[in-house]
PDB file of N, CA and C in Angstrom:
ATOM      1  N   MET A   1      -3.890   4.290 -11.273  1.00  0.00           N
ATOM      2  CA  MET A   1      -4.476   5.159 -10.265  1.00  0.00           C
ATOM      3  C   MET A   1      -4.314   4.453  -8.881  1.00  0.00           C
ATOM      4  N   ASN A   2      -4.014   5.261  -8.010  1.00  0.00           N
ATOM      5  CA  ASN A   2      -3.814   4.697  -6.654  1.00  0.00           C
ATOM      6  C   ASN A   2      -4.895   5.160  -5.629  1.00  0.00           C
ATOM      7  N   GLY A   3      -5.733   4.258  -5.329  1.00  0.00           N
ATOM      8  CA  GLY A   3      -6.787   4.487  -4.328  1.00  0.00           C
ATOM      9  C   GLY A   3      -8.102   4.864  -4.930  1.00  0.00           C
ATOM     10  N   LYS A   4      -9.045   4.838  -4.065  1.00  0.00           N
ATOM     11  CA  LYS A   4     -10.567   5.162  -4.440  1.00  0.00           C
ATOM     12  C   LYS A   4     -10.714   6.663  -4.628  1.00  0.00           C
ATOM     13  N   LEU A   5     -11.424   7.132  -5.563  1.00  0.00           N
ATOM     14  CA  LEU A   5     -11.649   8.493  -5.743  1.00  0.00           C
ATOM     15  C   LEU A   5     -12.926   8.862  -4.961  1.00  0.00           C
ATOM     16  N   PHE A   6     -12.741  10.080  -4.305  1.00  0.00           N
ATOM     17  CA  PHE A   6     -13.914  10.588  -3.492  1.00  0.00           C
ATOM     18  C   PHE A   6     -14.725  11.505  -4.477  1.00  0.00           C
ATOM     19  N   ASP A   7     -15.911  11.814  -4.069  1.00  0.00           N
ATOM     20  CA  ASP A   7     -16.865  12.675  -4.841  1.00  0.00           C
ATOM     21  C   ASP A   7     -16.205  13.940  -5.336  1.00  0.00           C
ATOM     22  N   SER A   8     -15.361  14.620  -4.465  1.00  0.00           N
ATOM     23  CA  SER A   8     -14.775  15.808  -4.912  1.00  0.00           C
ATOM     24  C   SER A   8     -13.744  15.625  -5.926  1.00  0.00           C
ATOM     25  N   GLU A   9     -13.040  14.580  -5.885  1.00  0.00           N
ATOM     26  CA  GLU A   9     -12.064  14.188  -6.895  1.00  0.00           C
ATOM     27  C   GLU A   9     -12.748  13.909  -8.277  1.00  0.00           C
ATOM     28  N   ARG A  10     -13.814  13.182  -8.121  1.00  0.00           N
ATOM     29  CA  ARG A  10     -14.655  12.931  -9.384  1.00  0.00           C
ATOM     30  C   ARG A  10     -15.087  14.194 -10.037  1.00  0.00           C
ATOM     31  N   ARG A  11     -15.459  15.155  -9.206  1.00  0.00           N
ATOM     32  CA  ARG A  11     -15.843  16.463  -9.879  1.00  0.00           C
ATOM     33  C   ARG A  11     -14.788  17.029 -10.746  1.00  0.00           C
ATOM     34  N   VAL A  12     -13.528  17.038 -10.216  1.00  0.00           N
ATOM     35  CA  VAL A  12     -12.357  17.508 -10.948  1.00  0.00           C
ATOM     36  C   VAL A  12     -12.243  16.761 -12.205  1.00  0.00           C
ATOM     37  N   LEU A  13     -12.289  15.374 -12.043  1.00  0.00           N
ATOM     38  CA  LEU A  13     -12.116  14.578 -13.249  1.00  0.00           C
ATOM     39  C   LEU A  13     -13.243  14.747 -14.276  1.00  0.00           C
ATOM     40  N   ASP A  14     -14.473  14.872 -13.730  1.00  0.00           N
ATOM     41  CA  ASP A  14     -15.588  15.037 -14.747  1.00  0.00           C
ATOM     42  C   ASP A  14     -15.380  16.346 -15.605  1.00  0.00           C
ATOM     43  N   LEU A  15     -14.904  17.344 -14.944  1.00  0.00           N
ATOM     44  CA  LEU A  15     -14.678  18.592 -15.783  1.00  0.00           C
ATOM     45  C   LEU A  15     -13.608  18.302 -16.826  1.00  0.00           C
ATOM     46  N   LEU A  16     -12.503  17.618 -16.374  1.00  0.00           N
ATOM     47  CA  LEU A  16     -11.371  17.369 -17.322  1.00  0.00           C
ATOM     48  C   LEU A  16     -11.884  16.419 -18.440  1.00  0.00           C
ATOM     49  N   TRP A  17     -12.695  15.471 -18.116  1.00  0.00           N
ATOM     50  CA  TRP A  17     -13.154  14.570 -19.208  1.00  0.00           C
ATOM     51  C   TRP A  17     -14.133  15.327 -20.139  1.00  0.00           C
ATOM     52  N   ASP A  18     -14.963  16.196 -19.620  1.00  0.00           N
ATOM     53  CA  ASP A  18     -15.885  16.952 -20.447  1.00  0.00           C
ATOM     54  C   ASP A  18     -15.191  18.009 -21.284  1.00  0.00           C
ATOM     55  N   LYS A  19     -14.275  18.788 -20.712  1.00  0.00           N
ATOM     56  CA  LYS A  19     -13.658  19.906 -21.237  1.00  0.00           C
ATOM     57  C   LYS A  19     -12.265  19.760 -21.928  1.00  0.00           C
ATOM     58  N   GLY A  20     -11.536  18.702 -21.441  1.00  0.00           N
ATOM     59  CA  GLY A  20     -10.166  18.398 -21.818  1.00  0.00           C
ATOM     60  C   GLY A  20      -9.305  19.107 -20.842  1.00  0.00           C
ATOM     61  N   ASP A  21      -7.988  19.113 -21.192  1.00  0.00           N
ATOM     62  CA  ASP A  21      -6.985  19.668 -20.250  1.00  0.00           C
ATOM     63  C   ASP A  21      -7.428  21.074 -19.941  1.00  0.00           C
ATOM     64  N   CYS A  22      -7.206  21.473 -18.629  1.00  0.00           N
ATOM     65  CA  CYS A  22      -7.617  22.784 -18.144  1.00  0.00           C
ATOM     66  C   CYS A  22      -6.450  23.274 -17.158  1.00  0.00           C
ATOM     67  N   THR A  23      -6.305  24.501 -17.046  1.00  0.00           N
ATOM     68  CA  THR A  23      -5.555  24.962 -16.018  1.00  0.00           C
ATOM     69  C   THR A  23      -6.224  24.907 -14.626  1.00  0.00           C
ATOM     70  N   ALA A  24      -5.373  24.846 -13.554  1.00  0.00           N
ATOM     71  CA  ALA A  24      -6.025  24.784 -12.241  1.00  0.00           C
ATOM     72  C   ALA A  24      -6.808  25.982 -12.032  1.00  0.00           C
ATOM     73  N   LYS A  25      -6.415  27.147 -12.527  1.00  0.00           N
ATOM     74  CA  LYS A  25      -7.162  28.401 -12.377  1.00  0.00           C
ATOM     75  C   LYS A  25      -8.575  28.215 -13.069  1.00  0.00           C
ATOM     76  N   ASP A  26      -8.591  27.648 -14.311  1.00  0.00           N
ATOM     77  CA  ASP A  26      -9.831  27.474 -14.927  1.00  0.00           C
ATOM     78  C   ASP A  26     -10.785  26.493 -14.144  1.00  0.00           C
ATOM     79  N   LEU A  27     -10.164  25.396 -13.634  1.00  0.00           N
ATOM     80  CA  LEU A  27     -10.932  24.411 -12.918  1.00  0.00           C
ATOM     81  C   LEU A  27     -11.483  25.088 -11.548  1.00  0.00           C
ATOM     82  N   ALA A  28     -10.701  25.889 -10.963  1.00  0.00           N
ATOM     83  CA  ALA A  28     -11.147  26.620  -9.720  1.00  0.00           C
ATOM     84  C   ALA A  28     -12.387  27.528 -10.072  1.00  0.00           C
ATOM     85  N   ALA A  29     -12.265  28.230 -11.221  1.00  0.00           N
ATOM     86  CA  ALA A  29     -13.362  29.100 -11.588  1.00  0.00           C
ATOM     87  C   ALA A  29     -14.599  28.332 -11.892  1.00  0.00           C
ATOM     88  N   GLN A  30     -14.481  27.168 -12.633  1.00  0.00           N
ATOM     89  CA  GLN A  30     -15.675  26.319 -12.871  1.00  0.00           C
ATOM     90  C   GLN A  30     -16.327  25.805 -11.708  1.00  0.00           C
ATOM     91  N   LEU A  31     -15.435  25.352 -10.702  1.00  0.00           N
ATOM     92  CA  LEU A  31     -15.962  24.625  -9.548  1.00  0.00           C
ATOM     93  C   LEU A  31     -16.523  25.714  -8.509  1.00  0.00           C
ATOM     94  N   ALA A  32     -15.981  26.943  -8.617  1.00  0.00           N
ATOM     95  CA  ALA A  32     -16.640  27.966  -7.805  1.00  0.00           C
ATOM     96  C   ALA A  32     -18.059  28.167  -8.307  1.00  0.00           C
ATOM     97  N   LEU A  33     -18.323  28.235  -9.520  1.00  0.00           N
ATOM     98  CA  LEU A  33     -19.608  28.417 -10.114  1.00  0.00           C
ATOM     99  C   LEU A  33     -20.546  27.215  -9.825  1.00  0.00           C
ATOM    100  N   GLN A  34     -20.034  26.092 -10.090  1.00  0.00           N
ATOM    101  CA  GLN A  34     -20.831  24.800  -9.948  1.00  0.00           C
ATOM    102  C   GLN A  34     -21.135  24.482  -8.487  1.00  0.00           C
ATOM    103  N   VAL A  35     -20.185  24.498  -7.652  1.00  0.00           N
ATOM    104  CA  VAL A  35     -20.421  24.010  -6.221  1.00  0.00           C
ATOM    105  C   VAL A  35     -19.943  24.938  -5.155  1.00  0.00           C
ATOM    106  N   GLY A  36     -19.399  26.135  -5.535  1.00  0.00           N
ATOM    107  CA  GLY A  36     -19.085  27.151  -4.505  1.00  0.00           C
ATOM    108  C   GLY A  36     -17.800  26.881  -3.872  1.00  0.00           C
ATOM    109  N   TRP A  37     -16.842  26.183  -4.536  1.00  0.00           N
ATOM    110  CA  TRP A  37     -15.561  25.848  -3.907  1.00  0.00           C
ATOM    111  C   TRP A  37     -14.689  27.169  -4.019  1.00  0.00           C
ATOM    112  N   SER A  38     -13.858  27.296  -3.031  1.00  0.00           N
ATOM    113  CA  SER A  38     -12.791  28.328  -3.063  1.00  0.00           C
ATOM    114  C   SER A  38     -11.676  27.796  -3.869  1.00  0.00           C
ATOM    115  N   LYS A  39     -10.790  28.777  -4.325  1.00  0.00           N
ATOM    116  CA  LYS A  39      -9.629  28.374  -5.062  1.00  0.00           C
ATOM    117  C   LYS A  39      -8.732  27.456  -4.278  1.00  0.00           C
ATOM    118  N   THR A  40      -8.630  27.704  -2.977  1.00  0.00           N
ATOM    119  CA  THR A  40      -7.821  26.833  -2.077  1.00  0.00           C
ATOM    120  C   THR A  40      -8.329  25.376  -2.007  1.00  0.00           C
ATOM    121  N   THR A  41      -9.648  25.266  -1.958  1.00  0.00           N
ATOM    122  CA  THR A  41     -10.320  23.923  -1.920  1.00  0.00           C
ATOM    123  C   THR A  41     -10.050  23.181  -3.246  1.00  0.00           C
ATOM    124  N   THR A  42     -10.193  23.861  -4.324  1.00  0.00           N
ATOM    125  CA  THR A  42      -9.901  23.253  -5.666  1.00  0.00           C
ATOM    126  C   THR A  42      -8.545  22.795  -5.822  1.00  0.00           C
ATOM    127  N   TYR A  43      -7.621  23.600  -5.412  1.00  0.00           N
ATOM    128  CA  TYR A  43      -6.204  23.280  -5.485  1.00  0.00           C
ATOM    129  C   TYR A  43      -5.797  22.089  -4.588  1.00  0.00           C
ATOM    130  N   THR A  44      -6.477  22.036  -3.491  1.00  0.00           N
ATOM    131  CA  THR A  44      -6.257  20.857  -2.513  1.00  0.00           C
ATOM    132  C   THR A  44      -6.794  19.603  -3.234  1.00  0.00           C
ATOM    133  N   VAL A  45      -7.908  19.632  -3.809  1.00  0.00           N
ATOM    134  CA  VAL A  45      -8.534  18.435  -4.394  1.00  0.00           C
ATOM    135  C   VAL A  45      -7.668  18.015  -5.638  1.00  0.00           C
ATOM    136  N   ILE A  46      -7.203  18.991  -6.360  1.00  0.00           N
ATOM    137  CA  ILE A  46      -6.355  18.682  -7.513  1.00  0.00           C
ATOM    138  C   ILE A  46      -5.062  17.970  -7.000  1.00  0.00           C
ATOM    139  N   LYS A  47      -4.534  18.532  -5.900  1.00  0.00           N
ATOM    140  CA  LYS A  47      -3.335  17.811  -5.356  1.00  0.00           C
ATOM    141  C   LYS A  47      -3.587  16.298  -4.952  1.00  0.00           C
ATOM    142  N   LYS A  48      -4.727  16.140  -4.463  1.00  0.00           N
ATOM    143  CA  LYS A  48      -5.147  14.779  -4.054  1.00  0.00           C
ATOM    144  C   LYS A  48      -5.156  13.812  -5.336  1.00  0.00           C
ATOM    145  N   CYS A  49      -5.834  14.424  -6.360  1.00  0.00           N
ATOM    146  CA  CYS A  49      -5.918  13.715  -7.589  1.00  0.00           C
ATOM    147  C   CYS A  49      -4.545  13.387  -8.211  1.00  0.00           C
ATOM    148  N   ILE A  50      -3.569  14.310  -8.056  1.00  0.00           N
ATOM    149  CA  ILE A  50      -2.152  14.122  -8.532  1.00  0.00           C
ATOM    150  C   ILE A  50      -1.572  13.025  -7.698  1.00  0.00           C
ATOM    151  N   ASP A  51      -1.788  13.127  -6.341  1.00  0.00           N
ATOM    152  CA  ASP A  51      -1.183  12.083  -5.497  1.00  0.00           C
ATOM    153  C   ASP A  51      -1.705  10.668  -5.798  1.00  0.00           C
ATOM    154  N   LYS A  52      -2.932  10.597  -6.229  1.00  0.00           N
ATOM    155  CA  LYS A  52      -3.521   9.288  -6.548  1.00  0.00           C
ATOM    156  C   LYS A  52      -3.157   8.864  -7.941  1.00  0.00           C
ATOM    157  N   ARG A  53      -2.452   9.630  -8.719  1.00  0.00           N
ATOM    158  CA  ARG A  53      -2.127   9.446 -10.174  1.00  0.00           C
ATOM    159  C   ARG A  53      -3.308   9.336 -11.062  1.00  0.00           C
ATOM    160  N   ALA A  54      -4.264  10.149 -10.678  1.00  0.00           N
ATOM    161  CA  ALA A  54      -5.471  10.241 -11.520  1.00  0.00           C
ATOM    162  C   ALA A  54      -5.296  11.460 -12.469  1.00  0.00           C
ATOM    163  N   VAL A  55      -4.496  12.453 -12.012  1.00  0.00           N
ATOM    164  CA  VAL A  55      -4.348  13.682 -12.773  1.00  0.00           C
ATOM    165  C   VAL A  55      -2.792  13.979 -12.807  1.00  0.00           C
ATOM    166  N   GLU A  56      -2.440  14.563 -13.906  1.00  0.00           N
ATOM    167  CA  GLU A  56      -1.031  14.973 -14.047  1.00  0.00           C
ATOM    168  C   GLU A  56      -0.956  16.472 -14.238  1.00  0.00           C
ATOM    169  N   ARG A  57      -0.030  17.051 -13.569  1.00  0.00           N
ATOM    170  CA  ARG A  57       0.192  18.549 -13.687  1.00  0.00           C
ATOM    171  C   ARG A  57       1.260  18.697 -14.808  1.00  0.00           C
ATOM    172  N   ARG A  58       0.906  19.570 -15.712  1.00  0.00           N
ATOM    173  CA  ARG A  58       1.859  19.966 -16.868  1.00  0.00           C
ATOM    174  C   ARG A  58       2.131  21.402 -16.845  1.00  0.00           C
ATOM    175  N   ASP A  59       3.417  21.685 -16.880  1.00  0.00           N
ATOM    176  CA  ASP A  59       3.862  23.063 -16.829  1.00  0.00           C
ATOM    177  C   ASP A  59       4.314  23.474 -18.312  1.00  0.00           C
ATOM    178  N   PRO A  60       4.355  24.693 -18.661  1.00  0.00           N
ATOM    179  CA  PRO A  60       3.908  25.838 -17.842  1.00  0.00           C
ATOM    180  C   PRO A  60       2.444  25.916 -17.715  1.00  0.00           C
ATOM    181  N   GLY A  61       2.005  26.734 -16.718  1.00  0.00           N
ATOM    182  CA  GLY A  61       0.653  27.085 -16.561  1.00  0.00           C
ATOM    183  C   GLY A  61      -0.208  26.160 -15.707  1.00  0.00           C
ATOM    184  N   PHE A  62       0.451  25.147 -15.058  1.00  0.00           N
ATOM    185  CA  PHE A  62      -0.283  24.309 -14.127  1.00  0.00           C
ATOM    186  C   PHE A  62      -1.531  23.760 -14.822  1.00  0.00           C
ATOM    187  N   VAL A  63      -1.313  23.090 -15.986  1.00  0.00           N
ATOM    188  CA  VAL A  63      -2.399  22.533 -16.750  1.00  0.00           C
ATOM    189  C   VAL A  63      -2.620  21.077 -16.232  1.00  0.00           C
ATOM    190  N   CYS A  64      -3.863  20.807 -15.967  1.00  0.00           N
ATOM    191  CA  CYS A  64      -4.219  19.444 -15.411  1.00  0.00           C
ATOM    192  C   CYS A  64      -4.652  18.597 -16.568  1.00  0.00           C
ATOM    193  N   HIS A  65      -4.156  17.349 -16.540  1.00  0.00           N
ATOM    194  CA  HIS A  65      -4.436  16.396 -17.560  1.00  0.00           C
ATOM    195  C   HIS A  65      -4.918  15.076 -16.926  1.00  0.00           C
ATOM    196  N   PRO A  66      -6.047  14.481 -17.282  1.00  0.00           N
ATOM    197  CA  PRO A  66      -6.429  13.249 -16.641  1.00  0.00           C
ATOM    198  C   PRO A  66      -5.594  12.068 -17.036  1.00  0.00           C
ATOM    199  N   LEU A  67      -5.227  11.303 -16.144  1.00  0.00           N
ATOM    200  CA  LEU A  67      -4.417  10.033 -16.432  1.00  0.00           C
ATOM    201  C   LEU A  67      -5.249   8.737 -16.475  1.00  0.00           C
ATOM    202  N   VAL A  68      -6.555   8.934 -16.171  1.00  0.00           N
ATOM    203  CA  VAL A  68      -7.470   7.758 -16.224  1.00  0.00           C
ATOM    204  C   VAL A  68      -8.686   8.148 -16.950  1.00  0.00           C
ATOM    205  N   THR A  69      -9.356   7.240 -17.588  1.00  0.00           N
ATOM    206  CA  THR A  69     -10.517   7.508 -18.405  1.00  0.00           C
ATOM    207  C   THR A  69     -11.742   7.378 -17.567  1.00  0.00           C
ATOM    208  N   ARG A  70     -12.787   7.937 -18.022  1.00  0.00           N
ATOM    209  CA  ARG A  70     -14.148   7.792 -17.339  1.00  0.00           C
ATOM    210  C   ARG A  70     -14.459   6.371 -17.283  1.00  0.00           C
ATOM    211  N   THR A  71     -14.264   5.617 -18.325  1.00  0.00           N
ATOM    212  CA  THR A  71     -14.536   4.130 -18.375  1.00  0.00           C
ATOM    213  C   THR A  71     -13.786   3.405 -17.317  1.00  0.00           C
ATOM    214  N   GLN A  72     -12.488   3.729 -17.193  1.00  0.00           N
ATOM    215  CA  GLN A  72     -11.675   2.993 -16.111  1.00  0.00           C
ATOM    216  C   GLN A  72     -12.163   3.322 -14.704  1.00  0.00           C
ATOM    217  N   VAL A  73     -12.557   4.544 -14.421  1.00  0.00           N
ATOM    218  CA  VAL A  73     -13.074   4.915 -13.119  1.00  0.00           C
ATOM    219  C   VAL A  73     -14.448   4.297 -12.949  1.00  0.00           C
ATOM    220  N   LEU A  74     -15.314   4.246 -13.871  1.00  0.00           N
ATOM    221  CA  LEU A  74     -16.657   3.592 -13.780  1.00  0.00           C
ATOM    222  C   LEU A  74     -16.461   2.131 -13.596  1.00  0.00           C
ATOM    223  N   ASP A  75     -15.550   1.541 -14.270  1.00  0.00           N
ATOM    224  CA  ASP A  75     -15.254   0.079 -14.058  1.00  0.00           C
ATOM    225  C   ASP A  75     -14.862  -0.269 -12.692  1.00  0.00           C
ATOM    226  N   GLN A  76     -13.942   0.570 -12.179  1.00  0.00           N
ATOM    227  CA  GLN A  76     -13.476   0.312 -10.852  1.00  0.00           C
ATOM    228  C   GLN A  76     -14.529   0.571  -9.741  1.00  0.00           C
ATOM    229  N   GLU A  77     -15.377   1.603 -10.016  1.00  0.00           N
ATOM    230  CA  GLU A  77     -16.403   1.902  -9.049  1.00  0.00           C
ATOM    231  C   GLU A  77     -17.502   0.729  -9.052  1.00  0.00           C
ATOM    232  N   THR A  78     -17.742   0.244 -10.257  1.00  0.00           N
ATOM    233  CA  THR A  78     -18.720  -0.838 -10.283  1.00  0.00           C
ATOM    234  C   THR A  78     -18.188  -2.045  -9.681  1.00  0.00           C
ATOM    235  N   GLN A  79     -16.945  -2.342  -9.873  1.00  0.00           N
ATOM    236  CA  GLN A  79     -16.411  -3.479  -9.120  1.00  0.00           C
ATOM    237  C   GLN A  79     -16.375  -3.363  -7.635  1.00  0.00           C
ATOM    238  N   ASP A  80     -16.026  -2.117  -7.178  1.00  0.00           N
ATOM    239  CA  ASP A  80     -16.103  -1.817  -5.726  1.00  0.00           C
ATOM    240  C   ASP A  80     -17.511  -2.039  -5.172  1.00  0.00           C
ATOM    241  N   PHE A  81     -18.543  -1.582  -5.928  1.00  0.00           N
ATOM    242  CA  PHE A  81     -19.901  -1.642  -5.534  1.00  0.00           C
ATOM    243  C   PHE A  81     -20.355  -3.167  -5.443  1.00  0.00           C
ATOM    244  N   LEU A  82     -19.925  -3.929  -6.481  1.00  0.00           N
ATOM    245  CA  LEU A  82     -20.171  -5.318  -6.492  1.00  0.00           C
ATOM    246  C   LEU A  82     -19.559  -6.110  -5.328  1.00  0.00           C
ATOM    247  N   ASP A  83     -18.323  -5.702  -5.029  1.00  0.00           N
ATOM    248  CA  ASP A  83     -17.534  -6.404  -3.945  1.00  0.00           C
ATOM    249  C   ASP A  83     -18.216  -6.045  -2.653  1.00  0.00           C
ATOM    250  N   ARG A  84     -18.578  -4.779  -2.435  1.00  0.00           N
ATOM    251  CA  ARG A  84     -19.041  -4.368  -1.115  1.00  0.00           C
ATOM    252  C   ARG A  84     -20.488  -4.874  -0.950  1.00  0.00           C
ATOM    253  N   ASN A  85     -21.292  -4.997  -1.904  1.00  0.00           N
ATOM    254  CA  ASN A  85     -22.661  -5.316  -1.674  1.00  0.00           C
ATOM    255  C   ASN A  85     -23.153  -6.609  -2.169  1.00  0.00           C
ATOM    256  N   TYR A  86     -22.336  -7.237  -3.036  1.00  0.00           N
ATOM    257  CA  TYR A  86     -22.865  -8.520  -3.652  1.00  0.00           C
ATOM    258  C   TYR A  86     -21.761  -9.590  -3.718  1.00  0.00           C
ATOM    259  N   SER A  87     -20.796  -9.505  -2.827  1.00  0.00           N
ATOM    260  CA  SER A  87     -19.654 -10.394  -2.791  1.00  0.00           C
ATOM    261  C   SER A  87     -18.978 -10.636  -4.167  1.00  0.00           C
ATOM    262  N   GLY A  88     -18.986  -9.497  -4.954  1.00  0.00           N
ATOM    263  CA  GLY A  88     -18.358  -9.474  -6.210  1.00  0.00           C
ATOM    264  C   GLY A  88     -19.178 -10.104  -7.341  1.00  0.00           C
ATOM    265  N   SER A  89     -20.323 -10.550  -7.010  1.00  0.00           N
ATOM    266  CA  SER A  89     -21.173 -11.249  -7.986  1.00  0.00           C
ATOM    267  C   SER A  89     -22.115 -10.508  -8.748  1.00  0.00           C
ATOM    268  N   ALA A  90     -21.869 -10.221 -10.042  1.00  0.00           N
ATOM    269  CA  ALA A  90     -22.826  -9.565 -10.950  1.00  0.00           C
ATOM    270  C   ALA A  90     -24.091 -10.165 -11.067  1.00  0.00           C
ATOM    271  N   ASP A  91     -24.181 -11.447 -11.036  1.00  0.00           N
ATOM    272  CA  ASP A  91     -25.590 -12.131 -11.162  1.00  0.00           C
ATOM    273  C   ASP A  91     -26.413 -11.900  -9.940  1.00  0.00           C
ATOM    274  N   LEU A  92     -25.897 -11.767  -8.787  1.00  0.00           N
ATOM    275  CA  LEU A  92     -26.659 -11.463  -7.578  1.00  0.00           C
ATOM    276  C   LEU A  92     -27.226  -9.979  -7.714  1.00  0.00           C
ATOM    277  N   LEU A  93     -26.439  -9.109  -8.242  1.00  0.00           N
ATOM    278  CA  LEU A  93     -26.854  -7.721  -8.496  1.00  0.00           C
ATOM    279  C   LEU A  93     -28.034  -7.761  -9.456  1.00  0.00           C
ATOM    280  N   VAL A  94     -27.904  -8.339 -10.600  1.00  0.00           N
ATOM    281  CA  VAL A  94     -28.897  -8.412 -11.572  1.00  0.00           C
ATOM    282  C   VAL A  94     -30.197  -9.151 -11.026  1.00  0.00           C
ATOM    283  N   ALA A  95     -30.000 -10.131 -10.244  1.00  0.00           N
ATOM    284  CA  ALA A  95     -31.204 -10.761  -9.600  1.00  0.00           C
ATOM    285  C   ALA A  95     -31.940  -9.887  -8.741  1.00  0.00           C
ATOM    286  N   SER A  96     -31.173  -9.011  -7.959  1.00  0.00           N
ATOM    287  CA  SER A  96     -31.740  -8.058  -6.996  1.00  0.00           C
ATOM    288  C   SER A  96     -32.487  -7.001  -7.824  1.00  0.00           C
ATOM    289  N   LEU A  97     -31.894  -6.538  -8.808  1.00  0.00           N
ATOM    290  CA  LEU A  97     -32.588  -5.581  -9.734  1.00  0.00           C
ATOM    291  C   LEU A  97     -33.858  -6.148 -10.358  1.00  0.00           C
ATOM    292  N   LEU A  98     -33.760  -7.262 -10.898  1.00  0.00           N
ATOM    293  CA  LEU A  98     -34.870  -7.902 -11.545  1.00  0.00           C
ATOM    294  C   LEU A  98     -36.004  -8.284 -10.694  1.00  0.00           C
ATOM    295  N   GLY A  99     -35.582  -8.629  -9.484  1.00  0.00           N
ATOM    296  CA  GLY A  99     -36.688  -9.064  -8.501  1.00  0.00           C
ATOM    297  C   GLY A  99     -37.599  -7.919  -8.095  1.00  0.00           C
ATOM    298  N   ARG A 100     -37.210  -6.697  -8.397  1.00  0.00           N
ATOM    299  CA  ARG A 100     -38.040  -5.513  -7.966  1.00  0.00           C
ATOM    300  C   ARG A 100     -38.811  -4.946  -9.027  1.00  0.00           C
ATOM    301  N   LYS A 101     -38.680  -5.372 -10.198  1.00  0.00           N
ATOM    302  CA  LYS A 101     -39.389  -4.703 -11.355  1.00  0.00           C
ATOM    303  C   LYS A 101     -39.867  -5.732 -12.310  1.00  0.00           C
ATOM    304  N   ARG A 102     -41.017  -5.328 -12.819  1.00  0.00           N
ATOM    305  CA  ARG A 102     -41.580  -6.213 -13.930  1.00  0.00           C
ATOM    306  C   ARG A 102     -40.991  -5.568 -15.271  1.00  0.00           C
ATOM    307  N   LEU A 103     -40.411  -6.449 -16.078  1.00  0.00           N
ATOM    308  CA  LEU A 103     -39.751  -6.090 -17.227  1.00  0.00           C
ATOM    309  C   LEU A 103     -40.694  -6.173 -18.496  1.00  0.00           C
ATOM    310  N   SER A 104     -40.579  -5.253 -19.419  1.00  0.00           N
ATOM    311  CA  SER A 104     -41.266  -5.214 -20.569  1.00  0.00           C
ATOM    312  C   SER A 104     -40.663  -6.291 -21.572  1.00  0.00           C
ATOM    313  N   GLN A 105     -41.385  -6.668 -22.603  1.00  0.00           N
ATOM    314  CA  GLN A 105     -40.786  -7.643 -23.547  1.00  0.00           C
ATOM    315  C   GLN A 105     -39.511  -7.067 -24.210  1.00  0.00           C
ATOM    316  N   GLY A 106     -39.436  -5.817 -24.440  1.00  0.00           N
ATOM    317  CA  GLY A 106     -38.334  -5.148 -25.053  1.00  0.00           C
ATOM    318  C   GLY A 106     -37.108  -5.309 -24.148  1.00  0.00           C
ATOM    319  N   GLU A 107     -37.292  -4.988 -22.820  1.00  0.00           N
ATOM    320  CA  GLU A 107     -36.280  -4.995 -21.911  1.00  0.00           C
ATOM    321  C   GLU A 107     -35.761  -6.466 -21.787  1.00  0.00           C
ATOM    322  N   ILE A 108     -36.550  -7.439 -21.803  1.00  0.00           N
ATOM    323  CA  ILE A 108     -36.191  -8.860 -21.752  1.00  0.00           C
ATOM    324  C   ILE A 108     -35.342  -9.235 -22.995  1.00  0.00           C
ATOM    325  N   ALA A 109     -35.874  -8.754 -24.110  1.00  0.00           N
ATOM    326  CA  ALA A 109     -35.086  -9.008 -25.394  1.00  0.00           C
ATOM    327  C   ALA A 109     -33.703  -8.455 -25.290  1.00  0.00           C
ATOM    328  N   ARG A 110     -33.611  -7.144 -24.764  1.00  0.00           N
ATOM    329  CA  ARG A 110     -32.303  -6.538 -24.766  1.00  0.00           C
ATOM    330  C   ARG A 110     -31.302  -7.273 -23.815  1.00  0.00           C
ATOM    331  N   LEU A 111     -31.874  -7.744 -22.631  1.00  0.00           N
ATOM    332  CA  LEU A 111     -31.065  -8.519 -21.717  1.00  0.00           C
ATOM    333  C   LEU A 111     -30.605  -9.862 -22.325  1.00  0.00           C
ATOM    334  N   LYS A 112     -31.511 -10.571 -23.031  1.00  0.00           N
ATOM    335  CA  LYS A 112     -31.158 -11.764 -23.700  1.00  0.00           C
ATOM    336  C   LYS A 112     -29.984 -11.468 -24.717  1.00  0.00           C
ATOM    337  N   GLN A 113     -30.118 -10.374 -25.416  1.00  0.00           N
ATOM    338  CA  GLN A 113     -29.100 -10.049 -26.450  1.00  0.00           C
ATOM    339  C   GLN A 113     -27.775  -9.805 -25.761  1.00  0.00           C
ATOM    340  N   MET A 114     -27.730  -9.086 -24.629  1.00  0.00           N
ATOM    341  CA  MET A 114     -26.568  -8.805 -23.992  1.00  0.00           C
ATOM    342  C   MET A 114     -25.838 -10.137 -23.485  1.00  0.00           C
ATOM    343  N   ILE A 115     -26.738 -10.985 -22.938  1.00  0.00           N
ATOM    344  CA  ILE A 115     -26.225 -12.298 -22.500  1.00  0.00           C
ATOM    345  C   ILE A 115     -25.628 -13.157 -23.608  1.00  0.00           C
ATOM    346  N   ALA A 116     -26.352 -13.117 -24.724  1.00  0.00           N
ATOM    347  CA  ALA A 116     -25.870 -13.823 -25.909  1.00  0.00           C
ATOM    348  C   ALA A 116     -24.524 -13.254 -26.359  1.00  0.00           C
ATOM    349  N   GLU A 117     -24.343 -11.967 -26.357  1.00  0.00           N
ATOM    350  CA  GLU A 117     -23.063 -11.343 -26.766  1.00  0.00           C
ATOM    351  C   GLU A 117     -21.960 -11.747 -25.750  1.00  0.00           C
ATOM    352  N   LEU A 118     -22.245 -11.945 -24.437  1.00  0.00           N
ATOM    353  CA  LEU A 118     -21.219 -12.383 -23.515  1.00  0.00           C
ATOM    354  C   LEU A 118     -20.797 -13.828 -23.616  1.00  0.00           C
ATOM    355  N   GLU A 119     -21.650 -14.673 -24.279  1.00  0.00           N
ATOM    356  CA  GLU A 119     -21.345 -16.026 -24.354  1.00  0.00           C
ATOM    357  C   GLU A 119     -20.390 -16.356 -25.381  1.00  0.00           C
TER     358      GLU A 119
END
């Protein structure tokens, strides 16, 4: 994938991940119902996804196929968030989250288990 995905591009990918390969026409119909996009808007966003190599167009029928997984995108977005807000440091993020909330014994146990699994 080339470049950061914008929210509009994520909407297209979310539909493809949830429903599987779809024609551009089907995507346009779904997005018109969900967010009120015109067919032209949807086709423009699909083109941007194709340009970023996040989606592939397959013919016949202008079938859209995702080239990236939800996990890949979430991992990239998480890393971007960490880089932008915590100098890439996951431990600073966790410290920030934990500093604002009192954890239950169960939550503490789950965190300890996750840490043990990482070691």
